[in-house]
Amino acid sequence: MALAIGEVIEKARSELNSLTGLEIESTLGAAREDEGWLVSVEVIEKHSIPDGMDILATYETKLDSDGNMLEFKRTKMRKRIDMENIEE
């Protein structure tokens, strides 16, 4: 039975947290690929005071069609206070 997108996102977030020990801040996106899923999440790499100086990182995770994580990689880092260019 195919997994729903919500189930895939939850599996990606849970597995990434388990493997890295990093707190998941938010889900940035999820998309079905040829033989699985690509899920992007933002995590807190380092808490700072003030919060605006927290170091956030974007991770991309690839999961198979059953929701098993095949790979993950950090693709970007930034301070929370730094604004991103958001394309709509």
PDB file of N, CA and C in Angstrom:
ATOM      1  N   MET A   1       0.845  -1.187   0.000  1.00  0.00           N
ATOM      2  CA  MET A   1       0.000   0.000   0.000  1.00  0.00           C
ATOM      3  C   MET A   1       0.886   1.244   0.000  1.00  0.00           C
ATOM      4  N   ALA A   2       0.583   2.184  -0.850  1.00  0.00           N
ATOM      5  CA  ALA A   2       1.371   3.413  -0.958  1.00  0.00           C
ATOM      6  C   ALA A   2       1.164   4.285   0.281  1.00  0.00           C
ATOM      7  N   LEU A   3       2.240   4.931   0.691  1.00  0.00           N
ATOM      8  CA  LEU A   3       2.173   5.825   1.839  1.00  0.00           C
ATOM      9  C   LEU A   3       1.620   7.183   1.427  1.00  0.00           C
ATOM     10  N   ALA A   4       0.842   7.783   2.319  1.00  0.00           N
ATOM     11  CA  ALA A   4       0.356   9.147   2.110  1.00  0.00           C
ATOM     12  C   ALA A   4       1.498  10.116   2.402  1.00  0.00           C
ATOM     13  N   ILE A   5       1.424  11.307   1.829  1.00  0.00           N
ATOM     14  CA  ILE A   5       2.501  12.280   1.989  1.00  0.00           C
ATOM     15  C   ILE A   5       2.756  12.616   3.462  1.00  0.00           C
ATOM     16  N   GLY A   6       1.709  12.691   4.264  1.00  0.00           N
ATOM     17  CA  GLY A   6       1.875  12.977   5.695  1.00  0.00           C
ATOM     18  C   GLY A   6       2.678  11.901   6.411  1.00  0.00           C
ATOM     19  N   GLU A   7       2.439  10.637   6.043  1.00  0.00           N
ATOM     20  CA  GLU A   7       3.189   9.527   6.637  1.00  0.00           C
ATOM     21  C   GLU A   7       4.660   9.591   6.241  1.00  0.00           C
ATOM     22  N   VAL A   8       4.919   9.928   4.997  1.00  0.00           N
ATOM     23  CA  VAL A   8       6.297  10.029   4.504  1.00  0.00           C
ATOM     24  C   VAL A   8       7.036  11.145   5.243  1.00  0.00           C
ATOM     25  N   ILE A   9       6.391  12.282   5.404  1.00  0.00           N
ATOM     26  CA  ILE A   9       7.014  13.408   6.105  1.00  0.00           C
ATOM     27  C   ILE A   9       7.327  13.020   7.545  1.00  0.00           C
ATOM     28  N   GLU A  10       6.385  12.392   8.220  1.00  0.00           N
ATOM     29  CA  GLU A  10       6.607  11.984   9.611  1.00  0.00           C
ATOM     30  C   GLU A  10       7.761  10.993   9.716  1.00  0.00           C
ATOM     31  N   LYS A  11       7.840  10.042   8.796  1.00  0.00           N
ATOM     32  CA  LYS A  11       8.945   9.075   8.803  1.00  0.00           C
ATOM     33  C   LYS A  11      10.280   9.777   8.581  1.00  0.00           C
ATOM     34  N   ALA A  12      10.333  10.709   7.640  1.00  0.00           N
ATOM     35  CA  ALA A  12      11.573  11.436   7.357  1.00  0.00           C
ATOM     36  C   ALA A  12      12.017  12.247   8.571  1.00  0.00           C
ATOM     37  N   ARG A  13      11.091  12.961   9.187  1.00  0.00           N
ATOM     38  CA  ARG A  13      11.422  13.781  10.356  1.00  0.00           C
ATOM     39  C   ARG A  13      11.902  12.917  11.515  1.00  0.00           C
ATOM     40  N   SER A  14      11.202  11.841  11.775  1.00  0.00           N
ATOM     41  CA  SER A  14      11.558  10.953  12.879  1.00  0.00           C
ATOM     42  C   SER A  14      12.922  10.304  12.672  1.00  0.00           C
ATOM     43  N   GLU A  15      13.157   9.792  11.478  1.00  0.00           N
ATOM     44  CA  GLU A  15      14.416   9.108  11.174  1.00  0.00           C
ATOM     45  C   GLU A  15      15.594  10.085  11.210  1.00  0.00           C
ATOM     46  N   LEU A  16      15.422  11.283  10.653  1.00  0.00           N
ATOM     47  CA  LEU A  16      16.506  12.264  10.658  1.00  0.00           C
ATOM     48  C   LEU A  16      16.838  12.684  12.087  1.00  0.00           C
ATOM     49  N   ASN A  17      15.821  12.898  12.905  1.00  0.00           N
ATOM     50  CA  ASN A  17      16.047  13.238  14.306  1.00  0.00           C
ATOM     51  C   ASN A  17      16.789  12.117  15.022  1.00  0.00           C
ATOM     52  N   SER A  18      16.391  10.887  14.762  1.00  0.00           N
ATOM     53  CA  SER A  18      17.033   9.731  15.389  1.00  0.00           C
ATOM     54  C   SER A  18      18.497   9.597  14.974  1.00  0.00           C
ATOM     55  N   LEU A  19      18.786   9.814  13.706  1.00  0.00           N
ATOM     56  CA  LEU A  19      20.153   9.654  13.195  1.00  0.00           C
ATOM     57  C   LEU A  19      21.087  10.795  13.598  1.00  0.00           C
ATOM     58  N   THR A  20      20.572  12.020  13.649  1.00  0.00           N
ATOM     59  CA  THR A  20      21.432  13.178  13.898  1.00  0.00           C
ATOM     60  C   THR A  20      21.328  13.728  15.317  1.00  0.00           C
ATOM     61  N   GLY A  21      20.208  13.463  15.981  1.00  0.00           N
ATOM     62  CA  GLY A  21      19.977  14.043  17.297  1.00  0.00           C
ATOM     63  C   GLY A  21      19.591  15.515  17.242  1.00  0.00           C
ATOM     64  N   LEU A  22      19.342  16.027  16.033  1.00  0.00           N
ATOM     65  CA  LEU A  22      19.009  17.439  15.859  1.00  0.00           C
ATOM     66  C   LEU A  22      17.502  17.657  15.934  1.00  0.00           C
ATOM     67  N   GLU A  23      17.115  18.814  16.493  1.00  0.00           N
ATOM     68  CA  GLU A  23      15.704  19.178  16.606  1.00  0.00           C
ATOM     69  C   GLU A  23      15.185  19.648  15.251  1.00  0.00           C
ATOM     70  N   ILE A  24      14.088  19.045  14.803  1.00  0.00           N
ATOM     71  CA  ILE A  24      13.485  19.427  13.529  1.00  0.00           C
ATOM     72  C   ILE A  24      12.672  20.700  13.745  1.00  0.00           C
ATOM     73  N   GLU A  25      12.995  21.736  12.993  1.00  0.00           N
ATOM     74  CA  GLU A  25      12.312  23.025  13.104  1.00  0.00           C
ATOM     75  C   GLU A  25      11.051  23.050  12.242  1.00  0.00           C
ATOM     76  N   SER A  26      11.162  22.633  10.980  1.00  0.00           N
ATOM     77  CA  SER A  26      10.004  22.661  10.085  1.00  0.00           C
ATOM     78  C   SER A  26      10.251  21.791   8.859  1.00  0.00           C
ATOM     79  N   THR A  27       9.160  21.439   8.208  1.00  0.00           N
ATOM     80  CA  THR A  27       9.231  20.726   6.934  1.00  0.00           C
ATOM     81  C   THR A  27       9.151  21.770   5.830  1.00  0.00           C
ATOM     82  N   LEU A  28      10.118  21.741   4.920  1.00  0.00           N
ATOM     83  CA  LEU A  28      10.161  22.729   3.841  1.00  0.00           C
ATOM     84  C   LEU A  28       9.466  22.247   2.578  1.00  0.00           C
ATOM     85  N   GLY A  29       9.443  20.929   2.374  1.00  0.00           N
ATOM     86  CA  GLY A  29       8.797  20.413   1.179  1.00  0.00           C
ATOM     87  C   GLY A  29       8.891  18.906   1.097  1.00  0.00           C
ATOM     88  N   ALA A  30       8.037  18.331   0.281  1.00  0.00           N
ATOM     89  CA  ALA A  30       8.033  16.887   0.044  1.00  0.00           C
ATOM     90  C   ALA A  30       7.503  16.645  -1.360  1.00  0.00           C
ATOM     91  N   ALA A  31       8.148  15.720  -2.062  1.00  0.00           N
ATOM     92  CA  ALA A  31       7.716  15.418  -3.425  1.00  0.00           C
ATOM     93  C   ALA A  31       7.991  13.960  -3.746  1.00  0.00           C
ATOM     94  N   ARG A  32       7.070  13.376  -4.471  1.00  0.00           N
ATOM     95  CA  ARG A  32       7.257  12.010  -4.948  1.00  0.00           C
ATOM     96  C   ARG A  32       8.260  12.038  -6.094  1.00  0.00           C
ATOM     97  N   GLU A  33       9.177  11.086  -6.075  1.00  0.00           N
ATOM     98  CA  GLU A  33      10.150  10.931  -7.154  1.00  0.00           C
ATOM     99  C   GLU A  33       9.876   9.599  -7.841  1.00  0.00           C
ATOM    100  N   ASP A  34      10.710   9.249  -8.808  1.00  0.00           N
ATOM    101  CA  ASP A  34      10.510   8.031  -9.591  1.00  0.00           C
ATOM    102  C   ASP A  34      10.228   6.805  -8.724  1.00  0.00           C
ATOM    103  N   GLU A  35      11.106   6.539  -7.766  1.00  0.00           N
ATOM    104  CA  GLU A  35      10.950   5.324  -6.961  1.00  0.00           C
ATOM    105  C   GLU A  35      10.939   5.622  -5.476  1.00  0.00           C
ATOM    106  N   GLY A  36      10.422   6.783  -5.100  1.00  0.00           N
ATOM    107  CA  GLY A  36      10.394   7.123  -3.687  1.00  0.00           C
ATOM    108  C   GLY A  36       9.995   8.569  -3.456  1.00  0.00           C
ATOM    109  N   TRP A  37      10.610   9.171  -2.442  1.00  0.00           N
ATOM    110  CA  TRP A  37      10.245  10.511  -2.014  1.00  0.00           C
ATOM    111  C   TRP A  37      11.489  11.342  -1.715  1.00  0.00           C
ATOM    112  N   LEU A  38      11.367  12.660  -1.886  1.00  0.00           N
ATOM    113  CA  LEU A  38      12.379  13.622  -1.471  1.00  0.00           C
ATOM    114  C   LEU A  38      11.699  14.557  -0.476  1.00  0.00           C
ATOM    115  N   VAL A  39      12.231  14.618   0.740  1.00  0.00           N
ATOM    116  CA  VAL A  39      11.666  15.471   1.788  1.00  0.00           C
ATOM    117  C   VAL A  39      12.763  16.411   2.277  1.00  0.00           C
ATOM    118  N   SER A  40      12.458  17.707   2.328  1.00  0.00           N
ATOM    119  CA  SER A  40      13.401  18.714   2.826  1.00  0.00           C
ATOM    120  C   SER A  40      12.899  19.250   4.158  1.00  0.00           C
ATOM    121  N   VAL A  41      13.802  19.306   5.136  1.00  0.00           N
ATOM    122  CA  VAL A  41      13.449  19.819   6.458  1.00  0.00           C
ATOM    123  C   VAL A  41      14.511  20.807   6.921  1.00  0.00           C
ATOM    124  N   GLU A  42      14.107  21.677   7.831  1.00  0.00           N
ATOM    125  CA  GLU A  42      15.053  22.598   8.448  1.00  0.00           C
ATOM    126  C   GLU A  42      15.219  22.169   9.898  1.00  0.00           C
ATOM    127  N   VAL A  43      16.464  22.093  10.350  1.00  0.00           N
ATOM    128  CA  VAL A  43      16.771  21.660  11.710  1.00  0.00           C
ATOM    129  C   VAL A  43      17.551  22.753  12.430  1.00  0.00           C
ATOM    130  N   ILE A  44      17.550  22.676  13.757  1.00  0.00           N
ATOM    131  CA  ILE A  44      18.358  23.582  14.559  1.00  0.00           C
ATOM    132  C   ILE A  44      19.695  22.896  14.806  1.00  0.00           C
ATOM    133  N   GLU A  45      20.749  23.415  14.193  1.00  0.00           N
ATOM    134  CA  GLU A  45      22.100  22.869  14.382  1.00  0.00           C
ATOM    135  C   GLU A  45      22.679  23.318  15.719  1.00  0.00           C
ATOM    136  N   LYS A  46      22.398  24.571  16.109  1.00  0.00           N
ATOM    137  CA  LYS A  46      22.959  25.108  17.348  1.00  0.00           C
ATOM    138  C   LYS A  46      22.035  26.184  17.892  1.00  0.00           C
ATOM    139  N   HIS A  47      21.606  26.007  19.153  1.00  0.00           N
ATOM    140  CA  HIS A  47      20.817  27.039  19.826  1.00  0.00           C
ATOM    141  C   HIS A  47      21.745  28.155  20.281  1.00  0.00           C
ATOM    142  N   SER A  48      21.268  29.393  20.187  1.00  0.00           N
ATOM    143  CA  SER A  48      22.052  30.553  20.605  1.00  0.00           C
ATOM    144  C   SER A  48      21.159  31.526  21.361  1.00  0.00           C
ATOM    145  N   ILE A  49      21.792  32.458  22.044  1.00  0.00           N
ATOM    146  CA  ILE A  49      21.079  33.547  22.698  1.00  0.00           C
ATOM    147  C   ILE A  49      21.613  34.826  22.091  1.00  0.00           C
ATOM    148  N   PRO A  50      20.766  35.653  21.518  1.00  0.00           N
ATOM    149  CA  PRO A  50      19.319  35.503  21.355  1.00  0.00           C
ATOM    150  C   PRO A  50      18.971  34.460  20.295  1.00  0.00           C
ATOM    151  N   ASP A  51      17.692  34.067  20.279  1.00  0.00           N
ATOM    152  CA  ASP A  51      17.227  33.027  19.349  1.00  0.00           C
ATOM    153  C   ASP A  51      17.535  33.350  17.895  1.00  0.00           C
ATOM    154  N   GLY A  52      17.567  34.615  17.548  1.00  0.00           N
ATOM    155  CA  GLY A  52      17.832  35.013  16.167  1.00  0.00           C
ATOM    156  C   GLY A  52      19.195  34.581  15.666  1.00  0.00           C
ATOM    157  N   MET A  53      20.073  34.218  16.584  1.00  0.00           N
ATOM    158  CA  MET A  53      21.415  33.778  16.209  1.00  0.00           C
ATOM    159  C   MET A  53      21.520  32.252  16.118  1.00  0.00           C
ATOM    160  N   ASP A  54      20.403  31.529  16.346  1.00  0.00           N
ATOM    161  CA  ASP A  54      20.404  30.070  16.163  1.00  0.00           C
ATOM    162  C   ASP A  54      20.943  29.736  14.780  1.00  0.00           C
ATOM    163  N   ILE A  55      21.678  28.638  14.675  1.00  0.00           N
ATOM    164  CA  ILE A  55      22.147  28.158  13.380  1.00  0.00           C
ATOM    165  C   ILE A  55      21.158  27.106  12.890  1.00  0.00           C
ATOM    166  N   LEU A  56      20.557  27.359  11.732  1.00  0.00           N
ATOM    167  CA  LEU A  56      19.601  26.439  11.120  1.00  0.00           C
ATOM    168  C   LEU A  56      20.236  25.806   9.894  1.00  0.00           C
ATOM    169  N   ALA A  57      19.850  24.574   9.617  1.00  0.00           N
ATOM    170  CA  ALA A  57      20.363  23.879   8.438  1.00  0.00           C
ATOM    171  C   ALA A  57      19.215  23.224   7.693  1.00  0.00           C
ATOM    172  N   THR A  58      19.343  23.183   6.381  1.00  0.00           N
ATOM    173  CA  THR A  58      18.388  22.478   5.536  1.00  0.00           C
ATOM    174  C   THR A  58      18.975  21.115   5.198  1.00  0.00           C
ATOM    175  N   TYR A  59      18.173  20.082   5.401  1.00  0.00           N
ATOM    176  CA  TYR A  59      18.565  18.718   5.049  1.00  0.00           C
ATOM    177  C   TYR A  59      17.591  18.179   4.011  1.00  0.00           C
ATOM    178  N   GLU A  60      18.114  17.482   3.022  1.00  0.00           N
ATOM    179  CA  GLU A  60      17.295  16.751   2.060  1.00  0.00           C
ATOM    180  C   GLU A  60      17.410  15.271   2.387  1.00  0.00           C
ATOM    181  N   THR A  61      16.269  14.606   2.418  1.00  0.00           N
ATOM    182  CA  THR A  61      16.252  13.171   2.685  1.00  0.00           C
ATOM    183  C   THR A  61      15.593  12.461   1.514  1.00  0.00           C
ATOM    184  N   LYS A  62      16.137  11.316   1.155  1.00  0.00           N
ATOM    185  CA  LYS A  62      15.531  10.478   0.119  1.00  0.00           C
ATOM    186  C   LYS A  62      15.015   9.218   0.792  1.00  0.00           C
ATOM    187  N   LEU A  63      13.757   8.901   0.493  1.00  0.00           N
ATOM    188  CA  LEU A  63      13.120   7.719   1.044  1.00  0.00           C
ATOM    189  C   LEU A  63      12.615   6.851  -0.091  1.00  0.00           C
ATOM    190  N   ASP A  64      12.588   5.539   0.150  1.00  0.00           N
ATOM    191  CA  ASP A  64      12.032   4.648  -0.865  1.00  0.00           C
ATOM    192  C   ASP A  64      10.508   4.689  -0.779  1.00  0.00           C
ATOM    193  N   SER A  65       9.839   3.938  -1.616  1.00  0.00           N
ATOM    194  CA  SER A  65       8.376   3.986  -1.679  1.00  0.00           C
ATOM    195  C   SER A  65       7.711   3.470  -0.402  1.00  0.00           C
ATOM    196  N   ASP A  66       8.467   2.728   0.429  1.00  0.00           N
ATOM    197  CA  ASP A  66       7.944   2.241   1.708  1.00  0.00           C
ATOM    198  C   ASP A  66       8.243   3.197   2.855  1.00  0.00           C
ATOM    199  N   GLY A  67       8.926   4.298   2.565  1.00  0.00           N
ATOM    200  CA  GLY A  67       9.241   5.278   3.596  1.00  0.00           C
ATOM    201  C   GLY A  67      10.538   5.017   4.335  1.00  0.00           C
ATOM    202  N   ASN A  68      11.362   4.104   3.830  1.00  0.00           N
ATOM    203  CA  ASN A  68      12.656   3.835   4.454  1.00  0.00           C
ATOM    204  C   ASN A  68      13.677   4.839   3.935  1.00  0.00           C
ATOM    205  N   MET A  69      14.411   5.477   4.857  1.00  0.00           N
ATOM    206  CA  MET A  69      15.383   6.477   4.442  1.00  0.00           C
ATOM    207  C   MET A  69      16.562   5.819   3.750  1.00  0.00           C
ATOM    208  N   LEU A  70      16.893   6.328   2.569  1.00  0.00           N
ATOM    209  CA  LEU A  70      18.015   5.817   1.793  1.00  0.00           C
ATOM    210  C   LEU A  70      19.245   6.693   1.960  1.00  0.00           C
ATOM    211  N   GLU A  71      19.034   8.002   2.086  1.00  0.00           N
ATOM    212  CA  GLU A  71      20.154   8.922   2.285  1.00  0.00           C
ATOM    213  C   GLU A  71      19.644  10.244   2.817  1.00  0.00           C
ATOM    214  N   PHE A  72      20.556  10.982   3.439  1.00  0.00           N
ATOM    215  CA  PHE A  72      20.260  12.356   3.837  1.00  0.00           C
ATOM    216  C   PHE A  72      21.533  13.163   3.695  1.00  0.00           C
ATOM    217  N   LYS A  73      21.355  14.473   3.441  1.00  0.00           N
ATOM    218  CA  LYS A  73      22.518  15.348   3.345  1.00  0.00           C
ATOM    219  C   LYS A  73      22.125  16.771   3.703  1.00  0.00           C
ATOM    220  N   ARG A  74      23.070  17.472   4.333  1.00  0.00           N
ATOM    221  CA  ARG A  74      22.855  18.883   4.648  1.00  0.00           C
ATOM    222  C   ARG A  74      23.173  19.680   3.392  1.00  0.00           C
ATOM    223  N   THR A  75      22.259  20.556   3.003  1.00  0.00           N
ATOM    224  CA  THR A  75      22.444  21.313   1.766  1.00  0.00           C
ATOM    225  C   THR A  75      22.676  22.801   1.995  1.00  0.00           C
ATOM    226  N   LYS A  76      22.386  23.286   3.211  1.00  0.00           N
ATOM    227  CA  LYS A  76      22.464  24.728   3.442  1.00  0.00           C
ATOM    228  C   LYS A  76      22.487  25.006   4.938  1.00  0.00           C
ATOM    229  N   MET A  77      23.174  26.086   5.333  1.00  0.00           N
ATOM    230  CA  MET A  77      23.149  26.555   6.722  1.00  0.00           C
ATOM    231  C   MET A  77      22.952  28.068   6.724  1.00  0.00           C
ATOM    232  N   ARG A  78      22.298  28.571   7.790  1.00  0.00           N
ATOM    233  CA  ARG A  78      22.083  30.012   7.925  1.00  0.00           C
ATOM    234  C   ARG A  78      21.777  30.333   9.382  1.00  0.00           C
ATOM    235  N   LYS A  79      21.909  31.603   9.742  1.00  0.00           N
ATOM    236  CA  LYS A  79      21.447  32.065  11.042  1.00  0.00           C
ATOM    237  C   LYS A  79      19.952  32.327  10.918  1.00  0.00           C
ATOM    238  N   ARG A  80      19.227  32.061  11.995  1.00  0.00           N
ATOM    239  CA  ARG A  80      17.772  32.267  11.968  1.00  0.00           C
ATOM    240  C   ARG A  80      17.422  33.695  11.542  1.00  0.00           C
ATOM    241  N   ILE A  81      18.197  34.658  11.976  1.00  0.00           N
ATOM    242  CA  ILE A  81      17.916  36.065  11.687  1.00  0.00           C
ATOM    243  C   ILE A  81      18.079  36.409  10.204  1.00  0.00           C
ATOM    244  N   ASP A  82      18.893  35.637   9.486  1.00  0.00           N
ATOM    245  CA  ASP A  82      19.112  35.894   8.059  1.00  0.00           C
ATOM    246  C   ASP A  82      17.868  35.527   7.267  1.00  0.00           C
ATOM    247  N   MET A  83      17.410  36.458   6.464  1.00  0.00           N
ATOM    248  CA  MET A  83      16.221  36.213   5.653  1.00  0.00           C
ATOM    249  C   MET A  83      16.591  35.394   4.428  1.00  0.00           C
ATOM    250  N   GLU A  84      15.656  34.562   4.004  1.00  0.00           N
ATOM    251  CA  GLU A  84      15.843  33.768   2.795  1.00  0.00           C
ATOM    252  C   GLU A  84      15.093  34.429   1.649  1.00  0.00           C
ATOM    253  N   ASN A  85      15.571  34.204   0.442  1.00  0.00           N
ATOM    254  CA  ASN A  85      14.814  34.612  -0.735  1.00  0.00           C
ATOM    255  C   ASN A  85      13.747  33.561  -0.964  1.00  0.00           C
ATOM    256  N   ILE A  86      12.509  33.967  -0.864  1.00  0.00           N
ATOM    257  CA  ILE A  86      11.409  33.031  -1.022  1.00  0.00           C
ATOM    258  C   ILE A  86      10.776  33.250  -2.385  1.00  0.00           C
ATOM    259  N   GLU A  87      10.756  32.191  -3.182  1.00  0.00           N
ATOM    260  CA  GLU A  87      10.147  32.266  -4.509  1.00  0.00           C
ATOM    261  C   GLU A  87       8.731  31.737  -4.426  1.00  0.00           C
ATOM    262  N   GLU A  88       7.811  32.463  -5.006  1.00  0.00           N
ATOM    263  CA  GLU A  88       6.417  32.027  -4.959  1.00  0.00           C
ATOM    264  C   GLU A  88       5.913  31.767  -6.343  1.00  0.00           C
TER     265      GLU A  88
END
